[in-house]
PDB file of N, CA and C in Angstrom:
ATOM      1  N   MET A   1      97.193  91.745  76.432  1.00  0.00           N
ATOM      2  CA  MET A   1      96.109  90.810  76.637  1.00  0.00           C
ATOM      3  C   MET A   1      95.220  90.810  75.398  1.00  0.00           C
ATOM      4  N   ALA A   2      94.860  89.623  74.941  1.00  0.00           N
ATOM      5  CA  ALA A   2      94.018  89.498  73.758  1.00  0.00           C
ATOM      6  C   ALA A   2      92.547  89.428  74.165  1.00  0.00           C
ATOM      7  N   ILE A   3      91.707  89.876  73.263  1.00  0.00           N
ATOM      8  CA  ILE A   3      90.257  89.774  73.432  1.00  0.00           C
ATOM      9  C   ILE A   3      89.791  88.589  72.603  1.00  0.00           C
ATOM     10  N   ALA A   4      89.035  87.692  73.215  1.00  0.00           N
ATOM     11  CA  ALA A   4      88.497  86.539  72.507  1.00  0.00           C
ATOM     12  C   ALA A   4      87.116  86.879  71.971  1.00  0.00           C
ATOM     13  N   VAL A   5      86.889  86.571  70.712  1.00  0.00           N
ATOM     14  CA  VAL A   5      85.569  86.706  70.101  1.00  0.00           C
ATOM     15  C   VAL A   5      85.137  85.313  69.691  1.00  0.00           C
ATOM     16  N   LEU A   6      83.980  84.892  70.187  1.00  0.00           N
ATOM     17  CA  LEU A   6      83.490  83.540  69.912  1.00  0.00           C
ATOM     18  C   LEU A   6      82.518  83.572  68.749  1.00  0.00           C
ATOM     19  N   GLY A   7      82.853  82.885  67.683  1.00  0.00           N
ATOM     20  CA  GLY A   7      81.977  82.782  66.524  1.00  0.00           C
ATOM     21  C   GLY A   7      82.378  83.723  65.413  1.00  0.00           C
ATOM     22  N   ALA A   8      82.646  83.152  64.239  1.00  0.00           N
ATOM     23  CA  ALA A   8      83.069  83.943  63.081  1.00  0.00           C
ATOM     24  C   ALA A   8      81.925  84.121  62.092  1.00  0.00           C
ATOM     25  N   GLY A   9      80.737  84.367  62.638  1.00  0.00           N
ATOM     26  CA  GLY A   9      79.624  84.778  61.791  1.00  0.00           C
ATOM     27  C   GLY A   9      79.799  86.245  61.462  1.00  0.00           C
ATOM     28  N   ILE A  10      78.776  86.850  60.900  1.00  0.00           N
ATOM     29  CA  ILE A  10      78.895  88.262  60.508  1.00  0.00           C
ATOM     30  C   ILE A  10      79.149  89.143  61.726  1.00  0.00           C
ATOM     31  N   LEU A  11      78.457  88.903  62.824  1.00  0.00           N
ATOM     32  CA  LEU A  11      78.631  89.732  64.013  1.00  0.00           C
ATOM     33  C   LEU A  11      80.003  89.527  64.638  1.00  0.00           C
ATOM     34  N   GLY A  12      80.408  88.272  64.824  1.00  0.00           N
ATOM     35  CA  GLY A  12      81.716  88.012  65.415  1.00  0.00           C
ATOM     36  C   GLY A  12      82.862  88.519  64.555  1.00  0.00           C
ATOM     37  N   SER A  13      82.741  88.310  63.240  1.00  0.00           N
ATOM     38  CA  SER A  13      83.797  88.763  62.325  1.00  0.00           C
ATOM     39  C   SER A  13      83.924  90.280  62.324  1.00  0.00           C
ATOM     40  N   LEU A  14      82.788  90.978  62.248  1.00  0.00           N
ATOM     41  CA  LEU A  14      82.841  92.446  62.257  1.00  0.00           C
ATOM     42  C   LEU A  14      83.318  92.980  63.604  1.00  0.00           C
ATOM     43  N   THR A  15      82.919  92.330  64.685  1.00  0.00           N
ATOM     44  CA  THR A  15      83.389  92.743  66.009  1.00  0.00           C
ATOM     45  C   THR A  15      84.899  92.595  66.104  1.00  0.00           C
ATOM     46  N   ALA A  16      85.416  91.461  65.647  1.00  0.00           N
ATOM     47  CA  ALA A  16      86.868  91.235  65.676  1.00  0.00           C
ATOM     48  C   ALA A  16      87.605  92.259  64.808  1.00  0.00           C
ATOM     49  N   LEU A  17      87.072  92.532  63.628  1.00  0.00           N
ATOM     50  CA  LEU A  17      87.714  93.520  62.746  1.00  0.00           C
ATOM     51  C   LEU A  17      87.694  94.919  63.357  1.00  0.00           C
ATOM     52  N   GLU A  18      86.569  95.283  63.948  1.00  0.00           N
ATOM     53  CA  GLU A  18      86.465  96.612  64.563  1.00  0.00           C
ATOM     54  C   GLU A  18      87.434  96.746  65.735  1.00  0.00           C
ATOM     55  N   LEU A  19      87.482  95.735  66.586  1.00  0.00           N
ATOM     56  CA  LEU A  19      88.419  95.780  67.716  1.00  0.00           C
ATOM     57  C   LEU A  19      89.862  95.859  67.230  1.00  0.00           C
ATOM     58  N   ALA A  20      90.200  95.063  66.212  1.00  0.00           N
ATOM     59  CA  ALA A  20      91.564  95.089  65.661  1.00  0.00           C
ATOM     60  C   ALA A  20      91.881  96.455  65.062  1.00  0.00           C
ATOM     61  N   SER A  21      90.883  97.069  64.407  1.00  0.00           N
ATOM     62  CA  SER A  21      91.125  98.392  63.809  1.00  0.00           C
ATOM     63  C   SER A  21      91.365  99.455  64.874  1.00  0.00           C
ATOM     64  N   ARG A  22      90.947  99.170  66.101  1.00  0.00           N
ATOM     65  CA  ARG A  22      91.171 100.086  67.224  1.00  0.00           C
ATOM     66  C   ARG A  22      92.423  99.730  68.009  1.00  0.00           C
ATOM     67  N   GLY A  23      93.228  98.824  67.447  1.00  0.00           N
ATOM     68  CA  GLY A  23      94.508  98.497  68.051  1.00  0.00           C
ATOM     69  C   GLY A  23      94.476  97.372  69.067  1.00  0.00           C
ATOM     70  N   GLN A  24      93.361  96.704  69.216  1.00  0.00           N
ATOM     71  CA  GLN A  24      93.259  95.602  70.163  1.00  0.00           C
ATOM     72  C   GLN A  24      93.802  94.313  69.545  1.00  0.00           C
ATOM     73  N   GLN A  25      94.380  93.471  70.362  1.00  0.00           N
ATOM     74  CA  GLN A  25      94.789  92.145  69.914  1.00  0.00           C
ATOM     75  C   GLN A  25      93.564  91.248  70.056  1.00  0.00           C
ATOM     76  N   VAL A  26      93.164  90.590  68.971  1.00  0.00           N
ATOM     77  CA  VAL A  26      91.925  89.818  68.946  1.00  0.00           C
ATOM     78  C   VAL A  26      92.216  88.395  68.489  1.00  0.00           C
ATOM     79  N   VAL A  27      91.572  87.440  69.153  1.00  0.00           N
ATOM     80  CA  VAL A  27      91.600  86.051  68.718  1.00  0.00           C
ATOM     81  C   VAL A  27      90.150  85.681  68.425  1.00  0.00           C
ATOM     82  N   LEU A  28      89.895  85.281  67.179  1.00  0.00           N
ATOM     83  CA  LEU A  28      88.544  84.923  66.735  1.00  0.00           C
ATOM     84  C   LEU A  28      88.436  83.405  66.692  1.00  0.00           C
ATOM     85  N   PHE A  29      87.509  82.862  67.464  1.00  0.00           N
ATOM     86  CA  PHE A  29      87.307  81.419  67.521  1.00  0.00           C
ATOM     87  C   PHE A  29      86.069  81.035  66.721  1.00  0.00           C
ATOM     88  N   GLU A  30      86.173  79.975  65.931  1.00  0.00           N
ATOM     89  CA  GLU A  30      85.048  79.469  65.143  1.00  0.00           C
ATOM     90  C   GLU A  30      85.093  77.954  65.177  1.00  0.00           C
ATOM     91  N   ARG A  31      83.943  77.335  65.435  1.00  0.00           N
ATOM     92  CA  ARG A  31      83.915  75.866  65.531  1.00  0.00           C
ATOM     93  C   ARG A  31      83.937  75.179  64.172  1.00  0.00           C
ATOM     94  N   ASN A  32      83.583  75.894  63.117  1.00  0.00           N
ATOM     95  CA  ASN A  32      83.609  75.320  61.768  1.00  0.00           C
ATOM     96  C   ASN A  32      84.940  75.616  61.094  1.00  0.00           C
ATOM     97  N   GLU A  33      85.189  74.950  59.971  1.00  0.00           N
ATOM     98  CA  GLU A  33      86.446  75.167  59.251  1.00  0.00           C
ATOM     99  C   GLU A  33      86.510  76.539  58.601  1.00  0.00           C
ATOM    100  N   GLU A  34      85.345  77.113  58.272  1.00  0.00           N
ATOM    101  CA  GLU A  34      85.298  78.414  57.609  1.00  0.00           C
ATOM    102  C   GLU A  34      84.362  79.360  58.347  1.00  0.00           C
ATOM    103  N   ALA A  35      84.611  80.641  58.170  1.00  0.00           N
ATOM    104  CA  ALA A  35      83.737  81.664  58.757  1.00  0.00           C
ATOM    105  C   ALA A  35      82.469  81.814  57.913  1.00  0.00           C
ATOM    106  N   LEU A  36      81.474  82.440  58.493  1.00  0.00           N
ATOM    107  CA  LEU A  36      80.226  82.799  57.791  1.00  0.00           C
ATOM    108  C   LEU A  36      79.535  81.590  57.169  1.00  0.00           C
ATOM    109  N   THR A  37      79.457  80.484  57.903  1.00  0.00           N
ATOM    110  CA  THR A  37      78.891  79.280  57.318  1.00  0.00           C
ATOM    111  C   THR A  37      77.556  78.856  57.928  1.00  0.00           C
ATOM    112  N   GLU A  38      77.125  79.482  59.009  1.00  0.00           N
ATOM    113  CA  GLU A  38      75.861  79.071  59.615  1.00  0.00           C
ATOM    114  C   GLU A  38      74.795  80.123  59.329  1.00  0.00           C
ATOM    115  N   ALA A  39      74.256  80.770  60.366  1.00  0.00           N
ATOM    116  CA  ALA A  39      73.160  81.727  60.168  1.00  0.00           C
ATOM    117  C   ALA A  39      73.565  82.887  59.262  1.00  0.00           C
ATOM    118  N   SER A  40      74.826  83.267  59.277  1.00  0.00           N
ATOM    119  CA  SER A  40      75.267  84.365  58.413  1.00  0.00           C
ATOM    120  C   SER A  40      75.212  83.998  56.935  1.00  0.00           C
ATOM    121  N   LEU A  41      75.207  82.710  56.651  1.00  0.00           N
ATOM    122  CA  LEU A  41      75.135  82.239  55.267  1.00  0.00           C
ATOM    123  C   LEU A  41      73.702  81.884  54.876  1.00  0.00           C
ATOM    124  N   ILE A  42      72.999  81.233  55.778  1.00  0.00           N
ATOM    125  CA  ILE A  42      71.661  80.722  55.464  1.00  0.00           C
ATOM    126  C   ILE A  42      70.653  81.443  56.360  1.00  0.00           C
ATOM    127  N   ASN A  43      70.299  82.656  55.980  1.00  0.00           N
ATOM    128  CA  ASN A  43      69.442  83.474  56.827  1.00  0.00           C
ATOM    129  C   ASN A  43      68.318  84.085  56.009  1.00  0.00           C
ATOM    130  N   GLU A  44      67.660  83.285  55.222  1.00  0.00           N
ATOM    131  CA  GLU A  44      66.532  83.727  54.409  1.00  0.00           C
ATOM    132  C   GLU A  44      66.904  84.879  53.473  1.00  0.00           C
ATOM    133  N   GLY A  45      68.177  85.013  53.151  1.00  0.00           N
ATOM    134  CA  GLY A  45      68.592  86.040  52.213  1.00  0.00           C
ATOM    135  C   GLY A  45      68.613  87.438  52.778  1.00  0.00           C
ATOM    136  N   LYS A  46      68.532  87.575  54.102  1.00  0.00           N
ATOM    137  CA  LYS A  46      68.571  88.915  54.682  1.00  0.00           C
ATOM    138  C   LYS A  46      69.384  88.890  55.968  1.00  0.00           C
ATOM    139  N   ILE A  47      69.861  90.048  56.337  1.00  0.00           N
ATOM    140  CA  ILE A  47      70.600  90.179  57.581  1.00  0.00           C
ATOM    141  C   ILE A  47      69.769  91.051  58.502  1.00  0.00           C
ATOM    142  N   HIS A  48      69.555  90.599  59.702  1.00  0.00           N
ATOM    143  CA  HIS A  48      68.784  91.393  60.658  1.00  0.00           C
ATOM    144  C   HIS A  48      69.421  91.255  62.028  1.00  0.00           C
ATOM    145  N   ARG A  49      68.885  91.962  62.978  1.00  0.00           N
ATOM    146  CA  ARG A  49      69.486  91.991  64.296  1.00  0.00           C
ATOM    147  C   ARG A  49      68.824  91.030  65.279  1.00  0.00           C
ATOM    148  N   GLY A  50      67.992  90.127  64.788  1.00  0.00           N
ATOM    149  CA  GLY A  50      67.428  89.122  65.654  1.00  0.00           C
ATOM    150  C   GLY A  50      66.137  89.525  66.352  1.00  0.00           C
ATOM    151  N   PHE A  51      65.663  90.726  66.091  1.00  0.00           N
ATOM    152  CA  PHE A  51      64.423  91.163  66.711  1.00  0.00           C
ATOM    153  C   PHE A  51      63.219  90.607  65.966  1.00  0.00           C
ATOM    154  N   VAL A  52      62.142  90.428  66.666  1.00  0.00           N
ATOM    155  CA  VAL A  52      60.862  90.132  66.039  1.00  0.00           C
ATOM    156  C   VAL A  52      59.866  91.163  66.570  1.00  0.00           C
ATOM    157  N   TYR A  53      58.886  91.479  65.771  1.00  0.00           N
ATOM    158  CA  TYR A  53      57.954  92.526  66.167  1.00  0.00           C
ATOM    159  C   TYR A  53      57.129  92.128  67.382  1.00  0.00           C
ATOM    160  N   ALA A  54      56.688  90.891  67.479  1.00  0.00           N
ATOM    161  CA  ALA A  54      55.982  90.371  68.651  1.00  0.00           C
ATOM    162  C   ALA A  54      54.928  91.344  69.176  1.00  0.00           C
ATOM    163  N   ALA A  55      54.120  91.851  68.268  1.00  0.00           N
ATOM    164  CA  ALA A  55      53.021  92.748  68.632  1.00  0.00           C
ATOM    165  C   ALA A  55      53.515  93.996  69.355  1.00  0.00           C
ATOM    166  N   ASP A  56      54.629  94.538  68.930  1.00  0.00           N
ATOM    167  CA  ASP A  56      55.174  95.774  69.507  1.00  0.00           C
ATOM    168  C   ASP A  56      54.453  96.958  68.870  1.00  0.00           C
ATOM    169  N   PHE A  57      53.346  97.342  69.457  1.00  0.00           N
ATOM    170  CA  PHE A  57      52.527  98.409  68.888  1.00  0.00           C
ATOM    171  C   PHE A  57      53.170  99.786  69.037  1.00  0.00           C
ATOM    172  N   SER A  58      54.234  99.888  69.821  1.00  0.00           N
ATOM    173  CA  SER A  58      54.955 101.163  69.941  1.00  0.00           C
ATOM    174  C   SER A  58      55.878 101.378  68.745  1.00  0.00           C
ATOM    175  N   PHE A  59      56.149 100.324  67.989  1.00  0.00           N
ATOM    176  CA  PHE A  59      57.043 100.346  66.828  1.00  0.00           C
ATOM    177  C   PHE A  59      58.499 100.642  67.196  1.00  0.00           C
ATOM    178  N   ARG A  60      58.861 100.490  68.476  1.00  0.00           N
ATOM    179  CA  ARG A  60      60.259 100.693  68.877  1.00  0.00           C
ATOM    180  C   ARG A  60      61.168  99.642  68.233  1.00  0.00           C
ATOM    181  N   THR A  61      60.674  98.407  68.167  1.00  0.00           N
ATOM    182  CA  THR A  61      61.465  97.358  67.533  1.00  0.00           C
ATOM    183  C   THR A  61      61.707  97.684  66.069  1.00  0.00           C
ATOM    184  N   ALA A  62      60.666  98.138  65.383  1.00  0.00           N
ATOM    185  CA  ALA A  62      60.799  98.499  63.972  1.00  0.00           C
ATOM    186  C   ALA A  62      61.823  99.616  63.797  1.00  0.00           C
ATOM    187  N   LYS A  63      61.813 100.595  64.690  1.00  0.00           N
ATOM    188  CA  LYS A  63      62.766 101.704  64.589  1.00  0.00           C
ATOM    189  C   LYS A  63      64.202 101.202  64.764  1.00  0.00           C
ATOM    190  N   VAL A  64      64.421 100.326  65.738  1.00  0.00           N
ATOM    191  CA  VAL A  64      65.764  99.773  65.944  1.00  0.00           C
ATOM    192  C   VAL A  64      66.209  99.006  64.704  1.00  0.00           C
ATOM    193  N   MET A  65      65.302  98.212  64.124  1.00  0.00           N
ATOM    194  CA  MET A  65      65.639  97.438  62.926  1.00  0.00           C
ATOM    195  C   MET A  65      65.951  98.357  61.749  1.00  0.00           C
ATOM    196  N   LEU A  66      65.165  99.405  61.559  1.00  0.00           N
ATOM    197  CA  LEU A  66      65.418 100.343  60.463  1.00  0.00           C
ATOM    198  C   LEU A  66      66.737 101.076  60.656  1.00  0.00           C
ATOM    199  N   ASP A  67      66.994 101.534  61.877  1.00  0.00           N
ATOM    200  CA  ASP A  67      68.260 102.221  62.147  1.00  0.00           C
ATOM    201  C   ASP A  67      69.444 101.308  61.845  1.00  0.00           C
ATOM    202  N   GLY A  68      69.350 100.047  62.275  1.00  0.00           N
ATOM    203  CA  GLY A  68      70.429  99.095  62.010  1.00  0.00           C
ATOM    204  C   GLY A  68      70.611  98.840  60.527  1.00  0.00           C
ATOM    205  N   ALA A  69      69.496  98.681  59.813  1.00  0.00           N
ATOM    206  CA  ALA A  69      69.568  98.424  58.372  1.00  0.00           C
ATOM    207  C   ALA A  69      70.192  99.604  57.637  1.00  0.00           C
ATOM    208  N   GLN A  70      69.846 100.817  58.051  1.00  0.00           N
ATOM    209  CA  GLN A  70      70.373 102.002  57.373  1.00  0.00           C
ATOM    210  C   GLN A  70      71.855 102.206  57.638  1.00  0.00           C
ATOM    211  N   ASN A  71      72.359 101.692  58.732  1.00  0.00           N
ATOM    212  CA  ASN A  71      73.772 101.863  59.076  1.00  0.00           C
ATOM    213  C   ASN A  71      74.632 100.656  58.740  1.00  0.00           C
ATOM    214  N   PHE A  72      74.002  99.571  58.328  1.00  0.00           N
ATOM    215  CA  PHE A  72      74.744  98.331  58.126  1.00  0.00           C
ATOM    216  C   PHE A  72      75.769  98.448  57.000  1.00  0.00           C
ATOM    217  N   GLU A  73      75.386  99.035  55.881  1.00  0.00           N
ATOM    218  CA  GLU A  73      76.327  99.160  54.764  1.00  0.00           C
ATOM    219  C   GLU A  73      77.521 100.019  55.154  1.00  0.00           C
ATOM    220  N   THR A  74      77.301 101.060  55.931  1.00  0.00           N
ATOM    221  CA  THR A  74      78.392 101.906  56.385  1.00  0.00           C
ATOM    222  C   THR A  74      79.376 101.095  57.221  1.00  0.00           C
ATOM    223  N   THR A  75      78.838 100.255  58.097  1.00  0.00           N
ATOM    224  CA  THR A  75      79.689  99.399  58.924  1.00  0.00           C
ATOM    225  C   THR A  75      80.477  98.429  58.056  1.00  0.00           C
ATOM    226  N   LEU A  76      79.789  97.756  57.132  1.00  0.00           N
ATOM    227  CA  LEU A  76      80.471  96.801  56.256  1.00  0.00           C
ATOM    228  C   LEU A  76      81.530  97.473  55.386  1.00  0.00           C
ATOM    229  N   SER A  77      81.247  98.681  54.914  1.00  0.00           N
ATOM    230  CA  SER A  77      82.160  99.342  53.975  1.00  0.00           C
ATOM    231  C   SER A  77      83.513  99.662  54.602  1.00  0.00           C
ATOM    232  N   LYS A  78      83.608  99.624  55.924  1.00  0.00           N
ATOM    233  CA  LYS A  78      84.904  99.828  56.580  1.00  0.00           C
ATOM    234  C   LYS A  78      85.850  98.658  56.310  1.00  0.00           C
ATOM    235  N   PHE A  79      85.270  97.473  56.041  1.00  0.00           N
ATOM    236  CA  PHE A  79      86.087  96.267  55.941  1.00  0.00           C
ATOM    237  C   PHE A  79      85.922  95.509  54.627  1.00  0.00           C
ATOM    238  N   VAL A  80      84.889  95.828  53.851  1.00  0.00           N
ATOM    239  CA  VAL A  80      84.612  95.100  52.615  1.00  0.00           C
ATOM    240  C   VAL A  80      84.703  96.079  51.444  1.00  0.00           C
ATOM    241  N   PRO A  81      85.456  95.758  50.393  1.00  0.00           N
ATOM    242  CA  PRO A  81      85.589  96.656  49.240  1.00  0.00           C
ATOM    243  C   PRO A  81      84.228  96.965  48.603  1.00  0.00           C
ATOM    244  N   ALA A  82      84.091  98.168  48.066  1.00  0.00           N
ATOM    245  CA  ALA A  82      82.831  98.620  47.473  1.00  0.00           C
ATOM    246  C   ALA A  82      82.330  97.678  46.380  1.00  0.00           C
ATOM    247  N   ALA A  83      83.232  97.155  45.558  1.00  0.00           N
ATOM    248  CA  ALA A  83      82.819  96.244  44.479  1.00  0.00           C
ATOM    249  C   ALA A  83      82.203  94.965  45.045  1.00  0.00           C
ATOM    250  N   ALA A  84      82.766  94.469  46.137  1.00  0.00           N
ATOM    251  CA  ALA A  84      82.215  93.259  46.760  1.00  0.00           C
ATOM    252  C   ALA A  84      80.844  93.549  47.364  1.00  0.00           C
ATOM    253  N   LEU A  85      80.681  94.724  47.969  1.00  0.00           N
ATOM    254  CA  LEU A  85      79.373  95.094  48.517  1.00  0.00           C
ATOM    255  C   LEU A  85      78.327  95.219  47.409  1.00  0.00           C
ATOM    256  N   ALA A  86      78.725  95.804  46.302  1.00  0.00           N
ATOM    257  CA  ALA A  86      77.784  95.976  45.186  1.00  0.00           C
ATOM    258  C   ALA A  86      77.326  94.620  44.656  1.00  0.00           C
ATOM    259  N   ALA A  87      78.194  93.635  44.690  1.00  0.00           N
ATOM    260  CA  ALA A  87      77.842  92.294  44.208  1.00  0.00           C
ATOM    261  C   ALA A  87      76.848  91.599  45.132  1.00  0.00           C
ATOM    262  N   LEU A  88      76.710  92.081  46.361  1.00  0.00           N
ATOM    263  CA  LEU A  88      75.802  91.463  47.333  1.00  0.00           C
ATOM    264  C   LEU A  88      74.361  91.941  47.208  1.00  0.00           C
ATOM    265  N   ARG A  89      74.114  92.929  46.399  1.00  0.00           N
ATOM    266  CA  ARG A  89      72.761  93.495  46.283  1.00  0.00           C
ATOM    267  C   ARG A  89      71.776  92.437  45.801  1.00  0.00           C
ATOM    268  N   THR A  90      70.599  92.475  46.369  1.00  0.00           N
ATOM    269  CA  THR A  90      69.543  91.563  45.956  1.00  0.00           C
ATOM    270  C   THR A  90      68.326  92.365  45.521  1.00  0.00           C
ATOM    271  N   GLU A  91      67.421  91.691  44.902  1.00  0.00           N
ATOM    272  CA  GLU A  91      66.171  92.327  44.498  1.00  0.00           C
ATOM    273  C   GLU A  91      65.219  92.353  45.685  1.00  0.00           C
ATOM    274  N   PRO A  92      64.392  93.410  45.787  1.00  0.00           N
ATOM    275  CA  PRO A  92      63.394  93.440  46.864  1.00  0.00           C
ATOM    276  C   PRO A  92      62.444  92.251  46.743  1.00  0.00           C
ATOM    277  N   PHE A  93      61.905  91.830  47.857  1.00  0.00           N
ATOM    278  CA  PHE A  93      60.975  90.713  47.851  1.00  0.00           C
ATOM    279  C   PHE A  93      59.890  90.956  48.886  1.00  0.00           C
ATOM    280  N   GLU A  94      58.806  90.257  48.736  1.00  0.00           N
ATOM    281  CA  GLU A  94      57.709  90.332  49.696  1.00  0.00           C
ATOM    282  C   GLU A  94      57.936  89.271  50.758  1.00  0.00           C
ATOM    283  N   TYR A  95      57.802  89.648  51.996  1.00  0.00           N
ATOM    284  CA  TYR A  95      57.950  88.709  53.102  1.00  0.00           C
ATOM    285  C   TYR A  95      56.584  88.589  53.760  1.00  0.00           C
ATOM    286  N   VAL A  96      55.962  87.455  53.596  1.00  0.00           N
ATOM    287  CA  VAL A  96      54.589  87.266  54.056  1.00  0.00           C
ATOM    288  C   VAL A  96      54.578  86.287  55.224  1.00  0.00           C
ATOM    289  N   VAL A  97      53.846  86.647  56.264  1.00  0.00           N
ATOM    290  CA  VAL A  97      53.688  85.785  57.429  1.00  0.00           C
ATOM    291  C   VAL A  97      52.202  85.587  57.658  1.00  0.00           C
ATOM    292  N   HIS A  98      51.788  84.355  57.751  1.00  0.00           N
ATOM    293  CA  HIS A  98      50.383  84.058  57.995  1.00  0.00           C
ATOM    294  C   HIS A  98      49.963  84.618  59.343  1.00  0.00           C
ATOM    295  N   ASN A  99      48.798  85.263  59.419  1.00  0.00           N
ATOM    296  CA  ASN A  99      48.389  85.947  60.646  1.00  0.00           C
ATOM    297  C   ASN A  99      48.193  84.992  61.821  1.00  0.00           C
ATOM    298  N   GLU A 100      48.043  83.726  61.605  1.00  0.00           N
ATOM    299  CA  GLU A 100      47.887  82.782  62.709  1.00  0.00           C
ATOM    300  C   GLU A 100      49.215  82.124  63.094  1.00  0.00           C
ATOM    301  N   SER A 101      50.300  82.551  62.490  1.00  0.00           N
ATOM    302  CA  SER A 101      51.595  81.944  62.803  1.00  0.00           C
ATOM    303  C   SER A 101      52.318  82.666  63.948  1.00  0.00           C
ATOM    304  N   MET A 102      51.859  83.853  64.307  1.00  0.00           N
ATOM    305  CA  MET A 102      52.471  84.585  65.406  1.00  0.00           C
ATOM    306  C   MET A 102      51.887  84.081  66.718  1.00  0.00           C
ATOM    307  N   LEU A 103      52.738  83.660  67.640  1.00  0.00           N
ATOM    308  CA  LEU A 103      52.289  83.110  68.897  1.00  0.00           C
ATOM    309  C   LEU A 103      52.615  84.058  70.039  1.00  0.00           C
ATOM    310  N   SER A 104      51.759  84.106  71.022  1.00  0.00           N
ATOM    311  CA  SER A 104      52.024  84.920  72.196  1.00  0.00           C
ATOM    312  C   SER A 104      53.072  84.220  73.069  1.00  0.00           C
ATOM    313  N   VAL A 105      53.623  84.939  74.037  1.00  0.00           N
ATOM    314  CA  VAL A 105      54.646  84.376  74.898  1.00  0.00           C
ATOM    315  C   VAL A 105      54.151  83.150  75.659  1.00  0.00           C
ATOM    316  N   PRO A 106      52.949  83.170  76.256  1.00  0.00           N
ATOM    317  CA  PRO A 106      52.502  81.972  76.979  1.00  0.00           C
ATOM    318  C   PRO A 106      52.351  80.811  76.025  1.00  0.00           C
TER     319      PRO A 106
END
């Protein structure tokens, strides 16, 4: 029995590769002609896990984001050659958000 993975973005592609590396039969479905063409390509130059701080004063969200960021290269290095990963490096940048742009849930 095959496992279907919907979407060949970074998450879907890595999920399919990981499952295949564990001996699973995987079918990766993508609605576009090529993989990595939507949010994985045009994501403000950074990869994140979709969390927003949303006034999380416990900093649990920040910890999850940091843990993911610190482990991301290790995950990628299982499937992407070191030279290709090195070519992906970017320069640090400042990410500024206007204090009145954050909206509460209501």
